[in-house]
């Protein structure tokens, strides 16, 4: 179906992966801020090790997204 529309499926897959990689860090940040807020989460707030893992993941994703822009 994509061939009939004149679209390259591989190029579209690559583009959506780039968009996903760029949008992931802000979304991870929102999740981290909400799950670390006791007023929002109550007793289900993130534990310290889980919060540290989340912030590490956020940092890795930011570096990867910045690396994408620097390399291109």
N, C-alpha and C. Protein backbone atom coordinates (compact mmCIF):
# COMPACT_ATOMS: atom_id res chain seq x y z
N UNK A 1 0.82 -1.18 0.00
CA UNK A 1 0.00 0.00 0.00
C UNK A 1 0.87 1.26 0.00
N UNK A 2 1.96 1.24 0.77
CA UNK A 2 2.85 2.40 0.79
C UNK A 2 3.53 2.61 -0.55
N UNK A 3 3.83 1.51 -1.25
CA UNK A 3 4.46 1.64 -2.56
C UNK A 3 3.55 2.36 -3.54
N UNK A 4 2.26 2.09 -3.46
CA UNK A 4 1.32 2.74 -4.37
C UNK A 4 1.20 4.23 -4.06
N UNK A 5 1.43 4.61 -2.83
CA UNK A 5 1.37 6.03 -2.45
C UNK A 5 2.70 6.73 -2.71
N UNK A 6 3.71 5.98 -3.13
CA UNK A 6 5.01 6.57 -3.42
C UNK A 6 5.85 6.83 -2.18
N UNK A 7 5.58 6.10 -1.10
CA UNK A 7 6.30 6.29 0.15
C UNK A 7 7.28 5.14 0.37
N UNK A 8 8.43 5.46 0.93
CA UNK A 8 9.45 4.47 1.24
C UNK A 8 9.24 3.99 2.68
N UNK A 9 8.90 2.72 2.84
CA UNK A 9 8.58 2.18 4.16
C UNK A 9 9.76 2.26 5.12
N UNK A 10 10.96 1.99 4.66
CA UNK A 10 12.13 2.01 5.52
C UNK A 10 12.41 3.43 6.00
N UNK A 11 12.29 4.40 5.10
CA UNK A 11 12.50 5.79 5.47
C UNK A 11 11.46 6.25 6.49
N UNK A 12 10.22 5.80 6.34
CA UNK A 12 9.17 6.14 7.31
C UNK A 12 9.44 5.50 8.67
N UNK A 13 9.91 4.27 8.69
CA UNK A 13 10.25 3.61 9.95
C UNK A 13 11.39 4.34 10.65
N UNK A 14 12.40 4.74 9.89
CA UNK A 14 13.52 5.48 10.47
C UNK A 14 13.06 6.81 11.03
N UNK A 15 12.22 7.52 10.30
CA UNK A 15 11.71 8.82 10.75
C UNK A 15 10.89 8.69 12.02
N UNK A 16 10.04 7.69 12.10
CA UNK A 16 9.25 7.51 13.32
C UNK A 16 10.12 7.12 14.51
N UNK A 17 11.19 6.37 14.26
CA UNK A 17 12.12 6.02 15.35
C UNK A 17 12.84 7.26 15.86
N UNK A 18 13.21 8.16 14.96
CA UNK A 18 13.85 9.41 15.38
C UNK A 18 12.88 10.26 16.20
N UNK A 19 11.65 10.37 15.72
CA UNK A 19 10.65 11.14 16.47
C UNK A 19 10.43 10.55 17.84
N UNK A 20 10.35 9.23 17.93
CA UNK A 20 10.18 8.55 19.21
C UNK A 20 11.35 8.83 20.14
N UNK A 21 12.57 8.80 19.61
CA UNK A 21 13.75 9.06 20.43
C UNK A 21 13.82 10.48 20.94
N UNK A 22 13.31 11.42 20.15
CA UNK A 22 13.33 12.83 20.58
C UNK A 22 12.22 13.11 21.58
N UNK A 23 11.07 12.47 21.42
CA UNK A 23 9.95 12.72 22.33
C UNK A 23 10.04 11.94 23.65
N UNK A 24 10.85 10.90 23.69
CA UNK A 24 10.93 10.08 24.89
C UNK A 24 11.45 10.82 26.13
N UNK A 25 12.53 11.61 26.05
CA UNK A 25 13.04 12.26 27.26
C UNK A 25 12.03 13.18 27.96
N UNK A 26 11.30 14.05 27.24
CA UNK A 26 10.31 14.87 27.96
C UNK A 26 9.20 14.03 28.61
N UNK A 27 8.81 12.96 27.95
CA UNK A 27 7.77 12.10 28.52
C UNK A 27 8.29 11.36 29.76
N UNK A 28 9.54 10.90 29.70
CA UNK A 28 10.13 10.26 30.87
C UNK A 28 10.22 11.25 32.02
N UNK A 29 10.58 12.49 31.72
CA UNK A 29 10.66 13.53 32.75
C UNK A 29 9.31 13.74 33.42
N UNK A 30 8.25 13.82 32.64
CA UNK A 30 6.90 14.00 33.21
C UNK A 30 6.55 12.83 34.13
N UNK A 31 6.83 11.62 33.68
CA UNK A 31 6.54 10.43 34.50
C UNK A 31 7.34 10.46 35.79
N UNK A 32 8.62 10.82 35.71
CA UNK A 32 9.46 10.87 36.91
C UNK A 32 8.95 11.91 37.91
N UNK A 33 8.59 13.07 37.41
CA UNK A 33 8.10 14.12 38.30
C UNK A 33 6.78 13.74 38.96
N UNK A 34 5.90 13.12 38.19
CA UNK A 34 4.60 12.73 38.77
C UNK A 34 4.73 11.57 39.75
N UNK A 35 5.55 10.57 39.41
CA UNK A 35 5.67 9.41 40.30
C UNK A 35 6.51 9.70 41.54
N UNK A 36 7.24 10.81 41.53
CA UNK A 36 8.01 11.19 42.71
C UNK A 36 7.27 12.15 43.62
N UNK A 37 6.08 12.58 43.23
CA UNK A 37 5.30 13.54 44.01
C UNK A 37 4.30 12.81 44.90
N UNK A 38 4.49 12.94 46.20
CA UNK A 38 3.63 12.25 47.15
C UNK A 38 2.20 12.80 47.12
N UNK A 39 2.03 14.07 46.75
CA UNK A 39 0.68 14.64 46.66
C UNK A 39 -0.11 14.00 45.52
N UNK A 40 0.59 13.58 44.48
CA UNK A 40 -0.07 12.94 43.34
C UNK A 40 -0.21 11.44 43.56
N UNK A 41 0.84 10.79 44.04
CA UNK A 41 0.88 9.33 44.11
C UNK A 41 0.48 8.76 45.46
N UNK A 42 0.46 9.58 46.50
CA UNK A 42 0.13 9.06 47.82
C UNK A 42 1.21 8.11 48.31
N UNK A 43 0.79 6.94 48.78
CA UNK A 43 1.74 5.95 49.30
C UNK A 43 2.47 5.18 48.20
N UNK A 44 2.04 5.34 46.95
CA UNK A 44 2.63 4.60 45.84
C UNK A 44 3.77 5.37 45.18
N UNK A 45 4.35 6.33 45.89
CA UNK A 45 5.45 7.12 45.34
C UNK A 45 6.66 6.22 45.08
N UNK A 46 7.48 6.59 44.09
CA UNK A 46 8.67 5.81 43.75
C UNK A 46 9.62 5.69 44.93
N UNK A 47 10.24 4.52 45.05
CA UNK A 47 11.30 4.35 46.05
C UNK A 47 12.57 5.05 45.56
N UNK A 48 13.51 5.24 46.44
CA UNK A 48 14.76 5.94 46.07
C UNK A 48 15.53 5.20 44.98
N UNK A 49 15.73 3.86 45.07
CA UNK A 49 16.46 3.17 44.00
C UNK A 49 15.75 3.26 42.65
N UNK A 50 14.43 3.14 42.67
CA UNK A 50 13.68 3.22 41.43
C UNK A 50 13.74 4.63 40.83
N UNK A 51 13.70 5.64 41.68
CA UNK A 51 13.82 7.02 41.21
C UNK A 51 15.20 7.26 40.60
N UNK A 52 16.24 6.73 41.24
CA UNK A 52 17.60 6.88 40.70
C UNK A 52 17.73 6.19 39.34
N UNK A 53 17.14 5.03 39.20
CA UNK A 53 17.16 4.32 37.92
C UNK A 53 16.41 5.13 36.87
N UNK A 54 15.30 5.73 37.25
CA UNK A 54 14.54 6.56 36.32
C UNK A 54 15.32 7.77 35.86
N UNK A 55 16.00 8.45 36.80
CA UNK A 55 16.79 9.62 36.43
C UNK A 55 17.99 9.23 35.57
N UNK A 56 18.58 8.08 35.83
CA UNK A 56 19.67 7.59 34.99
C UNK A 56 19.16 7.33 33.57
N UNK A 57 18.00 6.71 33.47
CA UNK A 57 17.39 6.46 32.16
C UNK A 57 17.12 7.77 31.44
N UNK A 58 16.60 8.75 32.16
CA UNK A 58 16.34 10.07 31.57
C UNK A 58 17.64 10.68 31.04
N UNK A 59 18.71 10.61 31.83
CA UNK A 59 19.99 11.19 31.41
C UNK A 59 20.52 10.50 30.16
N UNK A 60 20.43 9.19 30.12
CA UNK A 60 20.91 8.44 28.94
C UNK A 60 20.10 8.82 27.71
N UNK A 61 18.80 8.97 27.86
CA UNK A 61 17.95 9.33 26.72
C UNK A 61 18.24 10.74 26.24
N UNK A 62 18.51 11.68 27.15
CA UNK A 62 18.84 13.04 26.75
C UNK A 62 20.16 13.06 25.99
N UNK A 63 21.15 12.34 26.50
CA UNK A 63 22.45 12.28 25.80
C UNK A 63 22.29 11.65 24.42
N UNK A 64 21.48 10.61 24.33
CA UNK A 64 21.26 9.96 23.03
C UNK A 64 20.56 10.90 22.06
N UNK A 65 19.57 11.63 22.53
CA UNK A 65 18.85 12.57 21.65
C UNK A 65 19.77 13.72 21.22
N UNK A 66 20.57 14.23 22.14
CA UNK A 66 21.52 15.28 21.78
C UNK A 66 22.58 14.75 20.80
N UNK A 67 23.02 13.53 21.01
CA UNK A 67 23.99 12.92 20.11
C UNK A 67 23.41 12.76 18.71
N UNK A 68 22.14 12.50 18.62
CA UNK A 68 21.48 12.38 17.32
C UNK A 68 21.57 13.70 16.56
N UNK A 69 21.32 14.80 17.26
CA UNK A 69 21.37 16.10 16.60
C UNK A 69 22.79 16.53 16.27
N UNK A 70 23.73 16.22 17.15
CA UNK A 70 25.13 16.61 16.92
C UNK A 70 25.71 15.81 15.74
N UNK A 71 25.35 14.54 15.65
CA UNK A 71 25.91 13.68 14.61
C UNK A 71 25.30 13.94 13.23
N UNK A 72 24.13 14.55 13.20
CA UNK A 72 23.48 14.74 11.88
C UNK A 72 23.77 16.08 11.27
